[in-house]
PDB file of N, CA and C in Angstrom:
ATOM      1  N   MET A   1    -167.555 114.375 -34.237  1.00  0.00           N
ATOM      2  CA  MET A   1    -166.617 112.816 -34.667  1.00  0.00           C
ATOM      3  C   MET A   1    -165.044 112.877 -34.113  1.00  0.00           C
ATOM      4  N   ILE A   2    -164.977 111.990 -33.503  1.00  0.00           N
ATOM      5  CA  ILE A   2    -163.270 111.280 -33.168  1.00  0.00           C
ATOM      6  C   ILE A   2    -163.030 110.334 -33.930  1.00  0.00           C
ATOM      7  N   GLU A   3    -161.621 110.311 -34.893  1.00  0.00           N
ATOM      8  CA  GLU A   3    -161.364 109.414 -35.530  1.00  0.00           C
ATOM      9  C   GLU A   3    -160.206 108.707 -34.590  1.00  0.00           C
ATOM     10  N   GLN A   4    -160.235 107.505 -34.522  1.00  0.00           N
ATOM     11  CA  GLN A   4    -159.051 106.678 -33.856  1.00  0.00           C
ATOM     12  C   GLN A   4    -158.807 105.628 -34.835  1.00  0.00           C
ATOM     13  N   TYR A   5    -157.159 105.144 -34.900  1.00  0.00           N
ATOM     14  CA  TYR A   5    -157.231 103.922 -35.251  1.00  0.00           C
ATOM     15  C   TYR A   5    -155.996 103.176 -34.409  1.00  0.00           C
ATOM     16  N   ILE A   6    -156.140 101.775 -34.848  1.00  0.00           N
ATOM     17  CA  ILE A   6    -154.973 101.007 -33.644  1.00  0.00           C
ATOM     18  C   ILE A   6    -153.855 100.164 -34.389  1.00  0.00           C
ATOM     19  N   ARG A   7    -153.074 100.213 -34.339  1.00  0.00           N
ATOM     20  CA  ARG A   7    -152.097  99.339 -35.302  1.00  0.00           C
ATOM     21  C   ARG A   7    -151.689  98.310 -34.156  1.00  0.00           C
ATOM     22  N   TYR A   8    -151.633  97.115 -34.432  1.00  0.00           N
ATOM     23  CA  TYR A   8    -151.354  95.872 -33.973  1.00  0.00           C
ATOM     24  C   TYR A   8    -149.979  95.451 -34.617  1.00  0.00           C
ATOM     25  N   GLU A   9    -148.766  95.131 -33.546  1.00  0.00           N
ATOM     26  CA  GLU A   9    -147.444  94.507 -34.024  1.00  0.00           C
ATOM     27  C   GLU A   9    -147.347  93.161 -34.064  1.00  0.00           C
ATOM     28  N   PHE A  10    -148.822  92.541 -34.244  1.00  0.00           N
ATOM     29  CA  PHE A  10    -148.804  90.916 -34.368  1.00  0.00           C
ATOM     30  C   PHE A  10    -150.028  90.590 -35.261  1.00  0.00           C
ATOM     31  N   PRO A  11    -149.871  89.237 -35.465  1.00  0.00           N
ATOM     32  CA  PRO A  11    -150.969  88.798 -36.466  1.00  0.00           C
ATOM     33  C   PRO A  11    -152.368  89.007 -35.533  1.00  0.00           C
ATOM     34  N   ILE A  12    -153.389  89.129 -36.401  1.00  0.00           N
ATOM     35  CA  ILE A  12    -154.770  89.451 -35.838  1.00  0.00           C
ATOM     36  C   ILE A  12    -155.790  89.338 -36.847  1.00  0.00           C
ATOM     37  N   SER A  13    -156.569  88.200 -36.572  1.00  0.00           N
ATOM     38  CA  SER A  13    -157.961  88.428 -37.661  1.00  0.00           C
ATOM     39  C   SER A  13    -158.614  89.480 -37.592  1.00  0.00           C
ATOM     40  N   ASN A  14    -159.535  89.737 -38.935  1.00  0.00           N
ATOM     41  CA  ASN A  14    -160.253  90.772 -39.149  1.00  0.00           C
ATOM     42  C   ASN A  14    -161.485  90.912 -37.825  1.00  0.00           C
ATOM     43  N   ASN A  15    -161.885  89.617 -37.502  1.00  0.00           N
ATOM     44  CA  ASN A  15    -163.145  89.896 -36.472  1.00  0.00           C
ATOM     45  C   ASN A  15    -162.245  90.136 -35.208  1.00  0.00           C
ATOM     46  N   GLN A  16    -161.179  90.043 -34.882  1.00  0.00           N
ATOM     47  CA  GLN A  16    -160.447  90.095 -33.636  1.00  0.00           C
ATOM     48  C   GLN A  16    -160.256  91.472 -33.671  1.00  0.00           C
ATOM     49  N   ALA A  17    -159.706  92.151 -34.835  1.00  0.00           N
ATOM     50  CA  ALA A  17    -159.408  93.546 -34.882  1.00  0.00           C
ATOM     51  C   ALA A  17    -160.742  94.450 -34.596  1.00  0.00           C
ATOM     52  N   GLU A  18    -161.685  94.092 -35.474  1.00  0.00           N
ATOM     53  CA  GLU A  18    -162.981  94.810 -35.348  1.00  0.00           C
ATOM     54  C   GLU A  18    -163.590  94.669 -34.010  1.00  0.00           C
ATOM     55  N   TYR A  19    -163.113  93.409 -32.791  1.00  0.00           N
ATOM     56  CA  TYR A  19    -163.644  93.540 -31.758  1.00  0.00           C
ATOM     57  C   TYR A  19    -162.839  94.473 -31.116  1.00  0.00           C
ATOM     58  N   GLU A  20    -161.469  94.577 -31.239  1.00  0.00           N
ATOM     59  CA  GLU A  20    -160.735  95.331 -30.322  1.00  0.00           C
ATOM     60  C   GLU A  20    -160.877  96.385 -30.577  1.00  0.00           C
ATOM     61  N   ALA A  21    -161.227  97.063 -31.798  1.00  0.00           N
ATOM     62  CA  ALA A  21    -161.292  98.664 -32.019  1.00  0.00           C
ATOM     63  C   ALA A  21    -162.612  98.950 -31.422  1.00  0.00           C
ATOM     64  N   LEU A  22    -163.857  98.282 -31.572  1.00  0.00           N
ATOM     65  CA  LEU A  22    -164.698  98.249 -30.525  1.00  0.00           C
ATOM     66  C   LEU A  22    -164.710  98.542 -29.057  1.00  0.00           C
ATOM     67  N   LEU A  23    -163.909  97.673 -28.219  1.00  0.00           N
ATOM     68  CA  LEU A  23    -163.581  97.934 -27.186  1.00  0.00           C
ATOM     69  C   LEU A  23    -162.764  98.832 -27.032  1.00  0.00           C
ATOM     70  N   ALA A  24    -161.851  99.628 -27.390  1.00  0.00           N
ATOM     71  CA  ALA A  24    -160.836 100.869 -27.506  1.00  0.00           C
ATOM     72  C   ALA A  24    -162.436 102.109 -27.798  1.00  0.00           C
ATOM     73  N   ARG A  25    -162.940 101.864 -28.695  1.00  0.00           N
ATOM     74  CA  ARG A  25    -164.090 103.031 -28.539  1.00  0.00           C
ATOM     75  C   ARG A  25    -164.990 103.127 -27.620  1.00  0.00           C
ATOM     76  N   LEU A  26    -165.249 102.008 -27.037  1.00  0.00           N
ATOM     77  CA  LEU A  26    -166.044 102.332 -26.084  1.00  0.00           C
ATOM     78  C   LEU A  26    -165.539 102.647 -25.179  1.00  0.00           C
ATOM     79  N   ALA A  27    -164.207 102.132 -24.777  1.00  0.00           N
ATOM     80  CA  ALA A  27    -163.348 102.676 -23.568  1.00  0.00           C
ATOM     81  C   ALA A  27    -163.299 104.580 -23.953  1.00  0.00           C
ATOM     82  N   LEU A  28    -163.070 104.911 -24.876  1.00  0.00           N
ATOM     83  CA  LEU A  28    -162.951 106.461 -25.416  1.00  0.00           C
ATOM     84  C   LEU A  28    -164.061 107.304 -25.222  1.00  0.00           C
ATOM     85  N   ALA A  29    -165.246 106.177 -25.308  1.00  0.00           N
ATOM     86  CA  ALA A  29    -166.647 107.238 -25.044  1.00  0.00           C
ATOM     87  C   ALA A  29    -166.694 107.369 -23.674  1.00  0.00           C
ATOM     88  N   GLN A  30    -166.610 106.491 -22.953  1.00  0.00           N
ATOM     89  CA  GLN A  30    -166.845 106.245 -21.220  1.00  0.00           C
ATOM     90  C   GLN A  30    -165.546 107.374 -21.001  1.00  0.00           C
ATOM     91  N   GLU A  31    -164.542 107.258 -21.624  1.00  0.00           N
ATOM     92  CA  GLU A  31    -163.132 108.160 -20.788  1.00  0.00           C
ATOM     93  C   GLU A  31    -163.832 109.954 -21.193  1.00  0.00           C
ATOM     94  N   ILE A  32    -164.838 109.989 -22.292  1.00  0.00           N
ATOM     95  CA  ILE A  32    -164.865 111.388 -22.606  1.00  0.00           C
ATOM     96  C   ILE A  32    -166.413 111.917 -22.025  1.00  0.00           C
ATOM     97  N   ARG A  33    -166.957 110.906 -21.691  1.00  0.00           N
ATOM     98  CA  ARG A  33    -168.476 110.948 -20.834  1.00  0.00           C
ATOM     99  C   ARG A  33    -169.343 110.831 -22.187  1.00  0.00           C
ATOM    100  N   ALA A  34    -169.380 110.325 -23.250  1.00  0.00           N
ATOM    101  CA  ALA A  34    -170.437 110.682 -24.368  1.00  0.00           C
ATOM    102  C   ALA A  34    -171.499 110.089 -23.714  1.00  0.00           C
ATOM    103  N   ARG A  35    -172.690 111.001 -23.942  1.00  0.00           N
ATOM    104  CA  ARG A  35    -173.837 110.507 -23.742  1.00  0.00           C
ATOM    105  C   ARG A  35    -174.562 109.434 -24.669  1.00  0.00           C
ATOM    106  N   ALA A  36    -174.530 109.448 -26.042  1.00  0.00           N
ATOM    107  CA  ALA A  36    -174.731 108.650 -26.994  1.00  0.00           C
ATOM    108  C   ALA A  36    -173.554 108.310 -27.605  1.00  0.00           C
ATOM    109  N   LEU A  37    -173.731 106.692 -28.413  1.00  0.00           N
ATOM    110  CA  LEU A  37    -172.859 106.208 -29.123  1.00  0.00           C
ATOM    111  C   LEU A  37    -173.573 105.400 -30.198  1.00  0.00           C
ATOM    112  N   GLU A  38    -173.094 105.463 -31.147  1.00  0.00           N
ATOM    113  CA  GLU A  38    -173.659 104.906 -32.456  1.00  0.00           C
ATOM    114  C   GLU A  38    -172.532 103.867 -32.832  1.00  0.00           C
ATOM    115  N   ILE A  39    -173.186 102.436 -33.249  1.00  0.00           N
ATOM    116  CA  ILE A  39    -172.196 101.469 -33.383  1.00  0.00           C
ATOM    117  C   ILE A  39    -172.676 100.890 -34.637  1.00  0.00           C
ATOM    118  N   CYS A  40    -172.091 101.198 -35.552  1.00  0.00           N
ATOM    119  CA  CYS A  40    -171.976 100.527 -37.131  1.00  0.00           C
ATOM    120  C   CYS A  40    -171.149  99.498 -37.368  1.00  0.00           C
ATOM    121  N   THR A  41    -171.573  98.061 -37.640  1.00  0.00           N
ATOM    122  CA  THR A  41    -170.593  97.069 -37.906  1.00  0.00           C
ATOM    123  C   THR A  41    -170.813  96.260 -38.923  1.00  0.00           C
ATOM    124  N   ASP A  42    -170.385  95.827 -39.962  1.00  0.00           N
ATOM    125  CA  ASP A  42    -170.793  94.404 -40.645  1.00  0.00           C
ATOM    126  C   ASP A  42    -170.069  93.130 -40.398  1.00  0.00           C
ATOM    127  N   SER A  43    -169.423  93.324 -39.124  1.00  0.00           N
ATOM    128  CA  SER A  43    -169.022  92.153 -38.739  1.00  0.00           C
ATOM    129  C   SER A  43    -170.354  90.970 -38.048  1.00  0.00           C
ATOM    130  N   GLN A  44    -170.179  89.789 -38.210  1.00  0.00           N
ATOM    131  CA  GLN A  44    -171.049  88.910 -37.306  1.00  0.00           C
ATOM    132  C   GLN A  44    -170.790  88.421 -36.035  1.00  0.00           C
ATOM    133  N   VAL A  45    -169.507  89.187 -35.578  1.00  0.00           N
ATOM    134  CA  VAL A  45    -169.295  88.466 -34.416  1.00  0.00           C
ATOM    135  C   VAL A  45    -169.935  88.940 -33.191  1.00  0.00           C
ATOM    136  N   LEU A  46    -170.629  90.351 -33.436  1.00  0.00           N
ATOM    137  CA  LEU A  46    -171.169  91.138 -32.087  1.00  0.00           C
ATOM    138  C   LEU A  46    -173.033  90.389 -32.571  1.00  0.00           C
ATOM    139  N   PRO A  47    -173.463  90.427 -33.830  1.00  0.00           N
ATOM    140  CA  PRO A  47    -174.764  89.532 -33.508  1.00  0.00           C
ATOM    141  C   PRO A  47    -174.822  88.404 -33.203  1.00  0.00           C
ATOM    142  N   ARG A  48    -173.775  87.096 -33.337  1.00  0.00           N
ATOM    143  CA  ARG A  48    -173.783  86.000 -33.067  1.00  0.00           C
ATOM    144  C   ARG A  48    -173.603  85.879 -31.741  1.00  0.00           C
ATOM    145  N   GLU A  49    -172.782  86.738 -30.814  1.00  0.00           N
ATOM    146  CA  GLU A  49    -172.716  86.746 -29.239  1.00  0.00           C
ATOM    147  C   GLU A  49    -174.211  87.145 -28.851  1.00  0.00           C
ATOM    148  N   ARG A  50    -174.671  88.198 -29.379  1.00  0.00           N
ATOM    149  CA  ARG A  50    -175.960  88.583 -29.018  1.00  0.00           C
ATOM    150  C   ARG A  50    -176.748  87.753 -29.026  1.00  0.00           C
ATOM    151  N   ARG A  51    -177.017  86.774 -30.092  1.00  0.00           N
ATOM    152  CA  ARG A  51    -177.880  85.305 -30.220  1.00  0.00           C
ATOM    153  C   ARG A  51    -177.556  84.713 -29.159  1.00  0.00           C
ATOM    154  N   LEU A  52    -176.122  84.382 -29.218  1.00  0.00           N
ATOM    155  CA  LEU A  52    -175.757  83.276 -27.858  1.00  0.00           C
ATOM    156  C   LEU A  52    -176.189  83.713 -26.462  1.00  0.00           C
ATOM    157  N   ALA A  53    -175.961  84.883 -26.385  1.00  0.00           N
ATOM    158  CA  ALA A  53    -176.297  85.349 -25.070  1.00  0.00           C
ATOM    159  C   ALA A  53    -177.762  85.611 -24.883  1.00  0.00           C
ATOM    160  N   ALA A  54    -178.795  86.031 -25.872  1.00  0.00           N
ATOM    161  CA  ALA A  54    -179.897  85.594 -25.591  1.00  0.00           C
ATOM    162  C   ALA A  54    -180.319  84.118 -25.177  1.00  0.00           C
ATOM    163  N   GLY A  55    -180.013  83.232 -26.072  1.00  0.00           N
ATOM    164  CA  GLY A  55    -180.331  81.814 -26.050  1.00  0.00           C
ATOM    165  C   GLY A  55    -179.858  81.658 -24.497  1.00  0.00           C
ATOM    166  N   SER A  56    -178.518  81.842 -23.820  1.00  0.00           N
ATOM    167  CA  SER A  56    -178.326  81.188 -22.812  1.00  0.00           C
ATOM    168  C   SER A  56    -179.466  81.952 -21.485  1.00  0.00           C
ATOM    169  N   GLN A  57    -179.811  83.182 -21.641  1.00  0.00           N
ATOM    170  CA  GLN A  57    -180.733  83.756 -20.697  1.00  0.00           C
ATOM    171  C   GLN A  57    -182.281  83.137 -20.508  1.00  0.00           C
ATOM    172  N   ARG A  58    -182.472  82.165 -21.941  1.00  0.00           N
ATOM    173  CA  ARG A  58    -183.682  81.363 -21.851  1.00  0.00           C
ATOM    174  C   ARG A  58    -183.776  80.366 -20.809  1.00  0.00           C
ATOM    175  N   SER A  59    -182.550  79.474 -20.814  1.00  0.00           N
ATOM    176  CA  SER A  59    -182.477  78.379 -19.886  1.00  0.00           C
ATOM    177  C   SER A  59    -182.758  78.589 -18.404  1.00  0.00           C
TER     178      SER A  59
END
């Protein structure tokens, strides 16, 4: 397990912080050539985006 934290020097919402943290973790996983990645979140941002993306694919 690799632990990482990000500190912002400007105001940021909780959803923005979670999304930025996810992007940073994905970049790290790519950098270390991770074969598997488990993402756990209680944020509603990702599920909502996935539903919106699925809806746009149906059109």
